[in-house]
């Protein structure tokens, strides 16, 4: 191994610092992506729950409308008798 000049040592240290910065930037980008993905999963879960609840409401509506119509018809028939 040859003896390195101070300039060569500085160049190697600078390259090591730049490599560390790149690795840190990539790690930060991965963390940001993971956080965003988790937020999207949470939102997706919430929306799936909303869809399920809305489907239940829609499924019940025909029976509710039919019952209201039946009660109204009974009321009208009693009034006409």
Protein backbone atom coordinates (compact mmCIF):
# COMPACT_ATOMS: atom_id res chain seq x y z
CA UNK A 1 0.00 0.00 0.00
CA UNK A 2 1.37 3.35 -1.01
CA UNK A 3 1.39 6.31 1.30
CA UNK A 4 -1.45 8.65 0.39
CA UNK A 5 -1.09 12.36 0.15
CA UNK A 6 -3.29 14.58 2.30
CA UNK A 7 -5.22 15.48 -0.82
CA UNK A 8 -5.90 11.80 -1.61
CA UNK A 9 -7.01 11.21 1.99
CA UNK A 10 -9.43 14.13 1.72
CA UNK A 11 -10.79 12.79 -1.58
CA UNK A 12 -11.42 9.37 -0.01
CA UNK A 13 -13.06 10.94 3.03
CA UNK A 14 -15.24 13.10 0.78
CA UNK A 15 -16.28 10.04 -1.24
CA UNK A 16 -17.12 8.18 1.98
CA UNK A 17 -19.22 11.13 3.16
CA UNK A 18 -21.02 11.31 -0.19
CA UNK A 19 -21.72 7.56 -0.05
CA UNK A 20 -23.09 7.92 3.48
CA UNK A 21 -25.29 10.83 2.37
CA UNK A 22 -26.65 8.76 -0.53
CA UNK A 23 -27.42 5.85 1.78
CA UNK A 24 -29.12 8.17 4.25
CA UNK A 25 -31.19 9.75 1.48
CA UNK A 26 -32.27 6.35 0.22
CA UNK A 27 -33.17 5.23 3.75
CA UNK A 28 -35.24 8.38 4.26
CA UNK A 29 -37.03 7.83 0.95
CA UNK A 30 -37.83 4.24 1.95
CA UNK A 31 -39.18 5.39 5.31
CA UNK A 32 -41.34 8.05 3.68
CA UNK A 33 -42.70 5.46 1.27
CA UNK A 34 -43.44 3.04 4.11
CA UNK A 35 -45.28 5.74 6.07
CA UNK A 36 -47.29 6.75 3.00
CA UNK A 37 -48.13 3.11 2.30
CA UNK A 38 -49.30 2.60 5.89
CA UNK A 39 -51.47 5.72 5.68
CA UNK A 40 -52.97 4.45 2.42
CA UNK A 41 -53.65 1.03 3.98
CA UNK A 42 -55.42 2.72 6.90
CA UNK A 43 -57.48 4.84 4.51
CA UNK A 44 -58.32 1.78 2.44
CA UNK A 45 -59.47 -0.10 5.55
CA UNK A 46 -61.66 2.84 6.57
CA UNK A 47 -63.17 3.07 3.08
CA UNK A 48 -63.84 -0.67 2.97
CA UNK A 49 -65.68 -0.36 6.29
CA UNK A 50 -67.72 2.54 4.92
CA UNK A 51 -68.63 0.54 1.83
CA UNK A 52 -69.76 -2.38 3.97
CA UNK A 53 -71.90 -0.10 6.14
CA UNK A 54 -73.42 1.61 3.09
CA UNK A 55 -74.20 -1.75 1.50
CA UNK A 56 -76.04 -2.73 4.68
CA UNK A 57 -78.06 0.50 4.58
CA UNK A 58 -78.92 0.00 0.90
CA UNK A 59 -79.86 -3.65 1.46
CA UNK A 60 -82.32 -2.62 4.20
CA UNK A 61 -83.97 0.18 2.22
CA UNK A 62 -86.37 -1.90 0.09
CA UNK A 63 -87.82 -3.56 3.20
CA UNK A 64 -88.13 -0.21 4.97
CA UNK A 65 -89.85 1.39 1.96
CA UNK A 66 -92.18 -1.58 1.65
CA UNK A 67 -93.08 -1.39 5.34
CA UNK A 68 -93.76 2.36 5.11
CA UNK A 69 -95.95 1.80 2.06
CA UNK A 70 -97.87 -0.98 3.82
CA UNK A 71 -98.46 1.20 6.89
CA UNK A 72 -99.59 4.13 4.75
CA UNK A 73 -101.99 1.91 2.80
CA UNK A 74 -103.42 0.55 6.06
CA UNK A 75 -103.88 4.09 7.37
CA UNK A 76 -105.64 5.18 4.18
CA UNK A 77 -107.88 2.10 4.19
CA UNK A 78 -108.88 2.68 7.82
CA UNK A 79 -109.66 6.29 7.04
CA UNK A 80 -111.86 5.30 4.08
CA UNK A 81 -113.83 2.73 6.07
